């Protein structure tokens, strides 16, 4: 699954919209981005790791690295 679809699926799973996520990021993480900026980063695959961590945090998730077997 690509990152864009994966992040969007977590947002939907939590019953939120992309706009609500961006609003929460602006308030809690002092993001300066807009909805179109966030959406563009997802589409281009240019979301930074720290930004992905922030998104996961406002959704109530942790990013976990698991060693492949």
PDB file of N, CA and C in Angstrom:
ATOM      1  N   UNK A   1       0.861  -1.177   0.000  1.00  0.00           N
ATOM      2  CA  UNK A   1       0.000   0.000   0.000  1.00  0.00           C
ATOM      3  C   UNK A   1       0.905   1.237   0.000  1.00  0.00           C
ATOM      4  N   UNK A   2       0.558   2.231  -0.816  1.00  0.00           N
ATOM      5  CA  UNK A   2       1.406   3.419  -0.796  1.00  0.00           C
ATOM      6  C   UNK A   2       1.065   4.292   0.408  1.00  0.00           C
ATOM      7  N   UNK A   3       1.971   5.183   0.714  1.00  0.00           N
ATOM      8  CA  UNK A   3       1.856   6.012   1.913  1.00  0.00           C
ATOM      9  C   UNK A   3       0.591   6.873   1.889  1.00  0.00           C
ATOM     10  N   UNK A   4       0.279   7.451   0.739  1.00  0.00           N
ATOM     11  CA  UNK A   4      -0.914   8.301   0.631  1.00  0.00           C
ATOM     12  C   UNK A   4      -2.165   7.536   1.035  1.00  0.00           C
ATOM     13  N   UNK A   5      -2.356   6.365   0.448  1.00  0.00           N
ATOM     14  CA  UNK A   5      -3.556   5.574   0.777  1.00  0.00           C
ATOM     15  C   UNK A   5      -3.529   5.100   2.219  1.00  0.00           C
ATOM     16  N   UNK A   6      -2.350   4.743   2.709  1.00  0.00           N
ATOM     17  CA  UNK A   6      -2.246   4.258   4.078  1.00  0.00           C
ATOM     18  C   UNK A   6      -2.626   5.343   5.082  1.00  0.00           C
ATOM     19  N   UNK A   7      -2.077   6.527   4.918  1.00  0.00           N
ATOM     20  CA  UNK A   7      -2.397   7.626   5.836  1.00  0.00           C
ATOM     21  C   UNK A   7      -3.873   7.992   5.737  1.00  0.00           C
ATOM     22  N   UNK A   8      -4.389   8.086   4.522  1.00  0.00           N
ATOM     23  CA  UNK A   8      -5.812   8.404   4.349  1.00  0.00           C
ATOM     24  C   UNK A   8      -6.697   7.336   4.989  1.00  0.00           C
ATOM     25  N   UNK A   9      -6.297   6.064   4.909  1.00  0.00           N
ATOM     26  CA  UNK A   9      -7.110   5.002   5.501  1.00  0.00           C
ATOM     27  C   UNK A   9      -7.158   5.129   7.019  1.00  0.00           C
ATOM     28  N   UNK A  10      -6.049   5.536   7.635  1.00  0.00           N
ATOM     29  CA  UNK A  10      -6.047   5.738   9.087  1.00  0.00           C
ATOM     30  C   UNK A  10      -6.925   6.929   9.465  1.00  0.00           C
ATOM     31  N   UNK A  11      -6.901   7.977   8.655  1.00  0.00           N
ATOM     32  CA  UNK A  11      -7.742   9.150   8.915  1.00  0.00           C
ATOM     33  C   UNK A  11      -9.219   8.755   8.855  1.00  0.00           C
ATOM     34  N   UNK A  12      -9.600   8.025   7.816  1.00  0.00           N
ATOM     35  CA  UNK A  12     -10.986   7.574   7.659  1.00  0.00           C
ATOM     36  C   UNK A  12     -11.372   6.627   8.786  1.00  0.00           C
ATOM     37  N   UNK A  13     -10.475   5.718   9.137  1.00  0.00           N
ATOM     38  CA  UNK A  13     -10.729   4.758  10.213  1.00  0.00           C
ATOM     39  C   UNK A  13     -11.081   5.463  11.518  1.00  0.00           C
ATOM     40  N   UNK A  14     -10.489   6.631  11.731  1.00  0.00           N
ATOM     41  CA  UNK A  14     -10.761   7.393  12.954  1.00  0.00           C
ATOM     42  C   UNK A  14     -11.968   8.316  12.799  1.00  0.00           C
ATOM     43  N   UNK A  15     -12.615   8.272  11.636  1.00  0.00           N
ATOM     44  CA  UNK A  15     -13.818   9.065  11.415  1.00  0.00           C
ATOM     45  C   UNK A  15     -13.543  10.545  11.239  1.00  0.00           C
ATOM     46  N   UNK A  16     -12.363  10.878  10.750  1.00  0.00           N
ATOM     47  CA  UNK A  16     -11.978  12.275  10.577  1.00  0.00           C
ATOM     48  C   UNK A  16     -11.785  12.599   9.105  1.00  0.00           C
ATOM     49  N   UNK A  17     -11.766  13.876   8.813  1.00  0.00           N
ATOM     50  CA  UNK A  17     -11.473  14.322   7.449  1.00  0.00           C
ATOM     51  C   UNK A  17     -10.042  14.847   7.419  1.00  0.00           C
ATOM     52  N   UNK A  18      -9.524  15.007   6.209  1.00  0.00           N
ATOM     53  CA  UNK A  18      -8.177  15.569   6.061  1.00  0.00           C
ATOM     54  C   UNK A  18      -8.152  16.988   6.639  1.00  0.00           C
ATOM     55  N   UNK A  19      -9.231  17.731   6.430  1.00  0.00           N
ATOM     56  CA  UNK A  19      -9.300  19.093   6.963  1.00  0.00           C
ATOM     57  C   UNK A  19      -9.189  19.086   8.492  1.00  0.00           C
ATOM     58  N   UNK A  20      -9.887  18.153   9.138  1.00  0.00           N
ATOM     59  CA  UNK A  20      -9.834  18.071  10.604  1.00  0.00           C
ATOM     60  C   UNK A  20      -8.421  17.726  11.082  1.00  0.00           C
ATOM     61  N   UNK A  21      -7.744  16.852  10.359  1.00  0.00           N
ATOM     62  CA  UNK A  21      -6.372  16.490  10.734  1.00  0.00           C
ATOM     63  C   UNK A  21      -5.473  17.717  10.637  1.00  0.00           C
ATOM     64  N   UNK A  22      -5.583  18.451   9.534  1.00  0.00           N
ATOM     65  CA  UNK A  22      -4.753  19.650   9.359  1.00  0.00           C
ATOM     66  C   UNK A  22      -5.062  20.665  10.457  1.00  0.00           C
ATOM     67  N   UNK A  23      -6.341  20.853  10.784  1.00  0.00           N
ATOM     68  CA  UNK A  23      -6.705  21.784  11.860  1.00  0.00           C
ATOM     69  C   UNK A  23      -6.084  21.356  13.184  1.00  0.00           C
ATOM     70  N   UNK A  24      -6.117  20.079  13.484  1.00  0.00           N
ATOM     71  CA  UNK A  24      -5.498  19.576  14.721  1.00  0.00           C
ATOM     72  C   UNK A  24      -3.989  19.768  14.701  1.00  0.00           C
ATOM     73  N   UNK A  25      -3.382  19.551  13.549  1.00  0.00           N
ATOM     74  CA  UNK A  25      -1.933  19.733  13.432  1.00  0.00           C
ATOM     75  C   UNK A  25      -1.542  21.195  13.627  1.00  0.00           C
ATOM     76  N   UNK A  26      -2.360  22.100  13.114  1.00  0.00           N
ATOM     77  CA  UNK A  26      -2.088  23.529  13.275  1.00  0.00           C
ATOM     78  C   UNK A  26      -2.147  23.908  14.751  1.00  0.00           C
ATOM     79  N   UNK A  27      -3.145  23.378  15.463  1.00  0.00           N
ATOM     80  CA  UNK A  27      -3.334  23.727  16.876  1.00  0.00           C
ATOM     81  C   UNK A  27      -2.309  23.024  17.776  1.00  0.00           C
ATOM     82  N   UNK A  28      -2.143  21.720  17.598  1.00  0.00           N
ATOM     83  CA  UNK A  28      -1.304  20.956  18.537  1.00  0.00           C
ATOM     84  C   UNK A  28       0.167  20.914  18.158  1.00  0.00           C
ATOM     85  N   UNK A  29       0.467  20.987  16.876  1.00  0.00           N
ATOM     86  CA  UNK A  29       1.857  20.860  16.415  1.00  0.00           C
ATOM     87  C   UNK A  29       2.390  22.134  15.775  1.00  0.00           C
ATOM     88  N   UNK A  30       1.543  23.167  15.771  1.00  0.00           N
ATOM     89  CA  UNK A  30       1.906  24.465  15.189  1.00  0.00           C
ATOM     90  C   UNK A  30       2.352  24.363  13.730  1.00  0.00           C
ATOM     91  N   UNK A  31       1.656  23.484  13.012  1.00  0.00           N
ATOM     92  CA  UNK A  31       1.912  23.365  11.575  1.00  0.00           C
ATOM     93  C   UNK A  31       1.537  24.674  10.919  1.00  0.00           C
ATOM     94  N   UNK A  32       2.239  25.018   9.866  1.00  0.00           N
ATOM     95  CA  UNK A  32       1.920  26.221   9.110  1.00  0.00           C
ATOM     96  C   UNK A  32       1.260  25.877   7.779  1.00  0.00           C
ATOM     97  N   UNK A  33       1.131  24.595   7.519  1.00  0.00           N
ATOM     98  CA  UNK A  33       0.586  24.153   6.241  1.00  0.00           C
ATOM     99  C   UNK A  33      -0.923  24.263   6.157  1.00  0.00           C
ATOM    100  N   UNK A  34      -1.399  24.129   4.953  1.00  0.00           N
ATOM    101  CA  UNK A  34      -2.832  24.169   4.677  1.00  0.00           C
ATOM    102  C   UNK A  34      -3.278  22.778   4.228  1.00  0.00           C
ATOM    103  N   UNK A  35      -4.572  22.645   4.035  1.00  0.00           N
ATOM    104  CA  UNK A  35      -5.118  21.382   3.547  1.00  0.00           C
ATOM    105  C   UNK A  35      -4.524  21.046   2.181  1.00  0.00           C
ATOM    106  N   UNK A  36      -4.459  22.027   1.293  1.00  0.00           N
ATOM    107  CA  UNK A  36      -3.914  21.764  -0.046  1.00  0.00           C
ATOM    108  C   UNK A  36      -2.432  21.412   0.030  1.00  0.00           C
ATOM    109  N   UNK A  37      -1.707  22.024   0.960  1.00  0.00           N
ATOM    110  CA  UNK A  37      -0.285  21.710   1.142  1.00  0.00           C
ATOM    111  C   UNK A  37      -0.114  20.266   1.615  1.00  0.00           C
ATOM    112  N   UNK A  38      -0.913  19.868   2.608  1.00  0.00           N
ATOM    113  CA  UNK A  38      -0.850  18.509   3.155  1.00  0.00           C
ATOM    114  C   UNK A  38      -1.237  17.488   2.096  1.00  0.00           C
ATOM    115  N   UNK A  39      -2.325  17.759   1.389  1.00  0.00           N
ATOM    116  CA  UNK A  39      -2.782  16.864   0.337  1.00  0.00           C
ATOM    117  C   UNK A  39      -1.730  16.730  -0.766  1.00  0.00           C
ATOM    118  N   UNK A  40      -1.120  17.836  -1.133  1.00  0.00           N
ATOM    119  CA  UNK A  40      -0.075  17.813  -2.149  1.00  0.00           C
ATOM    120  C   UNK A  40       1.122  16.989  -1.726  1.00  0.00           C
ATOM    121  N   UNK A  41       1.510  17.116  -0.470  1.00  0.00           N
ATOM    122  CA  UNK A  41       2.639  16.323   0.036  1.00  0.00           C
ATOM    123  C   UNK A  41       2.328  14.833  -0.029  1.00  0.00           C
ATOM    124  N   UNK A  42       1.093  14.467   0.299  1.00  0.00           N
ATOM    125  CA  UNK A  42       0.714  13.061   0.218  1.00  0.00           C
ATOM    126  C   UNK A  42       0.749  12.578  -1.228  1.00  0.00           C
ATOM    127  N   UNK A  43       0.209  13.380  -2.133  1.00  0.00           N
ATOM    128  CA  UNK A  43       0.161  12.985  -3.543  1.00  0.00           C
ATOM    129  C   UNK A  43       1.549  12.872  -4.159  1.00  0.00           C
ATOM    130  N   UNK A  44       2.436  13.798  -3.795  1.00  0.00           N
ATOM    131  CA  UNK A  44       3.794  13.787  -4.358  1.00  0.00           C
ATOM    132  C   UNK A  44       4.726  12.823  -3.630  1.00  0.00           C
ATOM    133  N   UNK A  45       4.298  12.349  -2.464  1.00  0.00           N
ATOM    134  CA  UNK A  45       5.164  11.476  -1.668  1.00  0.00           C
ATOM    135  C   UNK A  45       6.305  12.238  -1.018  1.00  0.00           C
ATOM    136  N   UNK A  46       6.048  13.512  -0.647  1.00  0.00           N
ATOM    137  CA  UNK A  46       7.102  14.350  -0.067  1.00  0.00           C
ATOM    138  C   UNK A  46       6.853  14.676   1.406  1.00  0.00           C
ATOM    139  N   UNK A  47       5.961  13.940   2.045  1.00  0.00           N
ATOM    140  CA  UNK A  47       5.704  14.147   3.469  1.00  0.00           C
ATOM    141  C   UNK A  47       6.944  13.728   4.246  1.00  0.00           C
ATOM    142  N   UNK A  48       7.444  14.594   5.095  1.00  0.00           N
ATOM    143  CA  UNK A  48       8.633  14.283   5.902  1.00  0.00           C
ATOM    144  C   UNK A  48       8.266  13.298   7.002  1.00  0.00           C
ATOM    145  N   UNK A  49       9.289  12.585   7.467  1.00  0.00           N
ATOM    146  CA  UNK A  49       9.061  11.588   8.516  1.00  0.00           C
ATOM    147  C   UNK A  49       8.471  12.249   9.764  1.00  0.00           C
ATOM    148  N   UNK A  50       8.993  13.398  10.153  1.00  0.00           N
ATOM    149  CA  UNK A  50       8.492  14.108  11.334  1.00  0.00           C
ATOM    150  C   UNK A  50       7.020  14.480  11.144  1.00  0.00           C
ATOM    151  N   UNK A  51       6.655  14.871   9.930  1.00  0.00           N
ATOM    152  CA  UNK A  51       5.258  15.198   9.652  1.00  0.00           C
ATOM    153  C   UNK A  51       4.382  13.954   9.755  1.00  0.00           C
ATOM    154  N   UNK A  52       4.884  12.829   9.290  1.00  0.00           N
ATOM    155  CA  UNK A  52       4.146  11.568   9.412  1.00  0.00           C
ATOM    156  C   UNK A  52       3.977  11.199  10.879  1.00  0.00           C
ATOM    157  N   UNK A  53       5.021  11.427  11.680  1.00  0.00           N
ATOM    158  CA  UNK A  53       4.914  11.173  13.124  1.00  0.00           C
ATOM    159  C   UNK A  53       3.851  12.071  13.753  1.00  0.00           C
ATOM    160  N   UNK A  54       3.805  13.332  13.339  1.00  0.00           N
ATOM    161  CA  UNK A  54       2.796  14.258  13.865  1.00  0.00           C
ATOM    162  C   UNK A  54       1.388  13.803  13.509  1.00  0.00           C
ATOM    163  N   UNK A  55       1.191  13.379  12.266  1.00  0.00           N
ATOM    164  CA  UNK A  55      -0.115  12.885  11.833  1.00  0.00           C
ATOM    165  C   UNK A  55      -0.504  11.661  12.659  1.00  0.00           C
ATOM    166  N   UNK A  56       0.425  10.731  12.807  1.00  0.00           N
ATOM    167  CA  UNK A  56       0.151   9.530  13.601  1.00  0.00           C
ATOM    168  C   UNK A  56      -0.222   9.902  15.029  1.00  0.00           C
ATOM    169  N   UNK A  57       0.488  10.864  15.592  1.00  0.00           N
ATOM    170  CA  UNK A  57       0.232  11.272  16.968  1.00  0.00           C
ATOM    171  C   UNK A  57      -1.166  11.867  17.133  1.00  0.00           C
ATOM    172  N   UNK A  58      -1.577  12.762  16.240  1.00  0.00           N
ATOM    173  CA  UNK A  58      -2.916  13.354  16.387  1.00  0.00           C
ATOM    174  C   UNK A  58      -4.013  12.324  16.139  1.00  0.00           C
ATOM    175  N   UNK A  59      -3.674  11.240  15.430  1.00  0.00           N
ATOM    176  CA  UNK A  59      -4.637  10.157  15.235  1.00  0.00           C
ATOM    177  C   UNK A  59      -4.622   9.155  16.387  1.00  0.00           C
ATOM    178  N   UNK A  60      -3.629   9.279  17.275  1.00  0.00           N
ATOM    179  CA  UNK A  60      -3.520   8.362  18.413  1.00  0.00           C
ATOM    180  C   UNK A  60      -2.751   7.094  18.095  1.00  0.00           C
ATOM    181  N   UNK A  61      -1.855   7.157  17.125  1.00  0.00           N
ATOM    182  CA  UNK A  61      -1.058   5.997  16.720  1.00  0.00           C
ATOM    183  C   UNK A  61       0.423   6.258  16.943  1.00  0.00           C
ATOM    184  N   UNK A  62       1.175   5.174  17.043  1.00  0.00           N
ATOM    185  CA  UNK A  62       2.629   5.220  17.057  1.00  0.00           C
ATOM    186  C   UNK A  62       3.128   4.557  15.788  1.00  0.00           C
ATOM    187  N   UNK A  63       4.220   5.072  15.249  1.00  0.00           N
ATOM    188  CA  UNK A  63       4.859   4.418  14.121  1.00  0.00           C
ATOM    189  C   UNK A  63       5.867   3.435  14.686  1.00  0.00           C
ATOM    190  N   UNK A  64       5.744   2.174  14.298  1.00  0.00           N
ATOM    191  CA  UNK A  64       6.601   1.127  14.852  1.00  0.00           C
ATOM    192  C   UNK A  64       7.379   0.468  13.728  1.00  0.00           C
ATOM    193  N   UNK A  65       8.651   0.315  13.938  1.00  0.00           N
ATOM    194  CA  UNK A  65       9.492  -0.379  12.978  1.00  0.00           C
ATOM    195  C   UNK A  65       9.600  -1.834  13.420  1.00  0.00           C
ATOM    196  N   UNK A  66       9.366  -2.758  12.500  1.00  0.00           N
ATOM    197  CA  UNK A  66       9.418  -4.177  12.802  1.00  0.00           C
ATOM    198  C   UNK A  66      10.423  -4.829  11.870  1.00  0.00           C
ATOM    199  N   UNK A  67      11.354  -5.575  12.437  1.00  0.00           N
ATOM    200  CA  UNK A  67      12.366  -6.272  11.656  1.00  0.00           C
ATOM    201  C   UNK A  67      11.685  -7.355  10.824  1.00  0.00           C
ATOM    202  N   UNK A  68      11.996  -7.373   9.532  1.00  0.00           N
ATOM    203  CA  UNK A  68      11.474  -8.429   8.658  1.00  0.00           C
ATOM    204  C   UNK A  68      12.126  -9.742   8.988  1.00  0.00           C
ATOM    205  N   UNK A  69      11.387 -10.803   8.782  1.00  0.00           N
ATOM    206  CA  UNK A  69      11.938 -12.138   9.051  1.00  0.00           C
ATOM    207  C   UNK A  69      12.465 -12.756   7.789  1.00  0.00           C
TER     208      UNK A  69
END
